[in-house]
Amino acid sequence: MDRFITSTSNKKIRLDLEPVEAQNVDDSTTLISTQVSYKYLFDKFYKLQNVENLKVTAVCQNCFKVVSGSTKSSGNFLSHIK
């Protein structure tokens, strides 16, 4: 429990005791596959159009509308399917 400090408002603050090393990714296909973790949507429902940093743009295969979302969340894509 020495990694956390309890303040007076009962919130816990995490202390990073050890530095985190970045992994070197040499293969560009590995980089793209790790950016979008919900690739199951792009097989049937969407055609991937563009991936920039955290922003994903895809075209719906049913209505051909352009849908934007984040690489960390699939909310926009799932709500569009509904």
C-alpha atoms as a PDB file:
ATOM      1  CA  MET A   1       0.000   0.000   0.000  1.00  0.00           C
ATOM      2  CA  ASP A   2       2.974   2.333  -0.224  1.00  0.00           C
ATOM      3  CA  ARG A   3       1.975   3.170  -3.818  1.00  0.00           C
ATOM      4  CA  PHE A   4      -1.043   5.224  -2.744  1.00  0.00           C
ATOM      5  CA  ILE A   5      -1.390   8.364  -0.660  1.00  0.00           C
ATOM      6  CA  THR A   6      -4.712   9.044   1.027  1.00  0.00           C
ATOM      7  CA  SER A   7      -5.684  12.699   1.158  1.00  0.00           C
ATOM      8  CA  THR A   8      -8.210  14.343   3.456  1.00  0.00           C
ATOM      9  CA  SER A   9     -11.035  14.030   0.908  1.00  0.00           C
ATOM     10  CA  ASN A  10     -10.685  10.206   0.835  1.00  0.00           C
ATOM     11  CA  LYS A  11      -9.385  10.232  -2.744  1.00  0.00           C
ATOM     12  CA  LYS A  12      -6.386   8.078  -3.517  1.00  0.00           C
ATOM     13  CA  ILE A  13      -3.539   9.406  -5.634  1.00  0.00           C
ATOM     14  CA  ARG A  14      -1.355   6.884  -7.428  1.00  0.00           C
ATOM     15  CA  LEU A  15       2.405   7.289  -7.233  1.00  0.00           C
ATOM     16  CA  ASP A  16       4.534   5.912 -10.040  1.00  0.00           C
ATOM     17  CA  LEU A  17       7.481   4.359  -8.273  1.00  0.00           C
ATOM     18  CA  GLU A  18       9.068   2.779 -11.329  1.00  0.00           C
ATOM     19  CA  PRO A  19       9.389   4.439 -14.750  1.00  0.00           C
ATOM     20  CA  VAL A  20       7.488   2.740 -17.557  1.00  0.00           C
ATOM     21  CA  GLU A  21       9.513   1.876 -20.635  1.00  0.00           C
ATOM     22  CA  ALA A  22       7.992   2.416 -24.066  1.00  0.00           C
ATOM     23  CA  GLN A  23       7.876  -0.540 -26.422  1.00  0.00           C
ATOM     24  CA  ASN A  24       9.365  -0.104 -29.855  1.00  0.00           C
ATOM     25  CA  VAL A  25       6.981  -1.199 -32.620  1.00  0.00           C
ATOM     26  CA  ASP A  26       8.731  -1.691 -35.933  1.00  0.00           C
ATOM     27  CA  ASP A  27       5.948  -3.287 -37.974  1.00  0.00           C
ATOM     28  CA  SER A  28       3.400  -0.781 -39.302  1.00  0.00           C
ATOM     29  CA  THR A  29       0.634  -3.417 -39.498  1.00  0.00           C
ATOM     30  CA  THR A  30       1.077  -4.166 -35.806  1.00  0.00           C
ATOM     31  CA  LEU A  31       0.764  -0.463 -35.039  1.00  0.00           C
ATOM     32  CA  ILE A  32      -2.543  -0.155 -36.918  1.00  0.00           C
ATOM     33  CA  SER A  33      -3.979  -3.326 -35.384  1.00  0.00           C
ATOM     34  CA  THR A  34      -3.200  -2.152 -31.849  1.00  0.00           C
ATOM     35  CA  GLN A  35      -4.716   1.296 -32.439  1.00  0.00           C
ATOM     36  CA  VAL A  36      -8.239   0.006 -33.110  1.00  0.00           C
ATOM     37  CA  SER A  37      -9.233  -2.604 -30.551  1.00  0.00           C
ATOM     38  CA  TYR A  38     -12.755  -3.191 -31.903  1.00  0.00           C
ATOM     39  CA  LYS A  39     -11.894  -4.465 -35.373  1.00  0.00           C
ATOM     40  CA  TYR A  40     -14.914  -6.806 -35.362  1.00  0.00           C
ATOM     41  CA  LEU A  41     -17.079  -3.818 -36.398  1.00  0.00           C
ATOM     42  CA  PHE A  42     -15.061  -3.197 -39.547  1.00  0.00           C
ATOM     43  CA  ASP A  43     -15.642  -6.636 -41.043  1.00  0.00           C
ATOM     44  CA  LYS A  44     -19.407  -6.365 -41.572  1.00  0.00           C
ATOM     45  CA  PHE A  45     -20.616  -2.885 -40.668  1.00  0.00           C
ATOM     46  CA  TYR A  46     -17.939  -0.322 -41.542  1.00  0.00           C
ATOM     47  CA  LYS A  47     -15.198   0.280 -44.062  1.00  0.00           C
ATOM     48  CA  LEU A  48     -12.202   1.947 -42.446  1.00  0.00           C
ATOM     49  CA  GLN A  49     -11.469   5.265 -44.104  1.00  0.00           C
ATOM     50  CA  ASN A  50      -8.839   7.024 -41.981  1.00  0.00           C
ATOM     51  CA  VAL A  51      -6.943   6.599 -38.692  1.00  0.00           C
ATOM     52  CA  GLU A  52      -5.202   9.691 -37.275  1.00  0.00           C
ATOM     53  CA  ASN A  53      -3.733   9.524 -33.766  1.00  0.00           C
ATOM     54  CA  LEU A  54      -6.845   8.797 -31.667  1.00  0.00           C
ATOM     55  CA  LYS A  55      -9.473   9.609 -34.330  1.00  0.00           C
ATOM     56  CA  VAL A  56     -11.031   6.939 -36.550  1.00  0.00           C
ATOM     57  CA  THR A  57     -13.198   7.709 -39.575  1.00  0.00           C
ATOM     58  CA  ALA A  58     -15.226   4.937 -41.200  1.00  0.00           C
ATOM     59  CA  VAL A  59     -17.991   4.601 -43.788  1.00  0.00           C
ATOM     60  CA  CYS A  60     -21.154   2.692 -42.833  1.00  0.00           C
ATOM     61  CA  GLN A  61     -21.809  -0.204 -45.222  1.00  0.00           C
ATOM     62  CA  ASN A  62     -25.621   0.133 -44.876  1.00  0.00           C
ATOM     63  CA  CYS A  63     -26.259   3.855 -45.391  1.00  0.00           C
ATOM     64  CA  PHE A  64     -22.797   5.029 -46.589  1.00  0.00           C
ATOM     65  CA  LYS A  65     -22.654   7.749 -43.931  1.00  0.00           C
ATOM     66  CA  VAL A  66     -19.229   8.764 -42.572  1.00  0.00           C
ATOM     67  CA  VAL A  67     -18.987   8.014 -38.843  1.00  0.00           C
ATOM     68  CA  SER A  68     -16.181   9.370 -36.650  1.00  0.00           C
ATOM     69  CA  GLY A  69     -15.022   7.965 -33.350  1.00  0.00           C
ATOM     70  CA  SER A  70     -12.090   7.316 -31.076  1.00  0.00           C
ATOM     71  CA  THR A  71      -9.636   4.425 -31.090  1.00  0.00           C
ATOM     72  CA  LYS A  72     -10.359   3.905 -27.406  1.00  0.00           C
ATOM     73  CA  SER A  73     -14.170   3.802 -27.575  1.00  0.00           C
ATOM     74  CA  SER A  74     -16.680   2.176 -29.892  1.00  0.00           C
ATOM     75  CA  GLY A  75     -19.727   4.153 -28.687  1.00  0.00           C
ATOM     76  CA  ASN A  76     -20.294   6.231 -31.826  1.00  0.00           C
ATOM     77  CA  PHE A  77     -20.002   3.197 -34.068  1.00  0.00           C
ATOM     78  CA  LEU A  78     -22.298   0.999 -31.964  1.00  0.00           C
ATOM     79  CA  SER A  79     -24.972   3.681 -31.556  1.00  0.00           C
ATOM     80  CA  HIS A  80     -24.960   4.312 -35.320  1.00  0.00           C
ATOM     81  CA  ILE A  81     -25.656   0.619 -35.978  1.00  0.00           C
ATOM     82  CA  LYS A  82     -28.702   0.722 -33.678  1.00  0.00           C
END
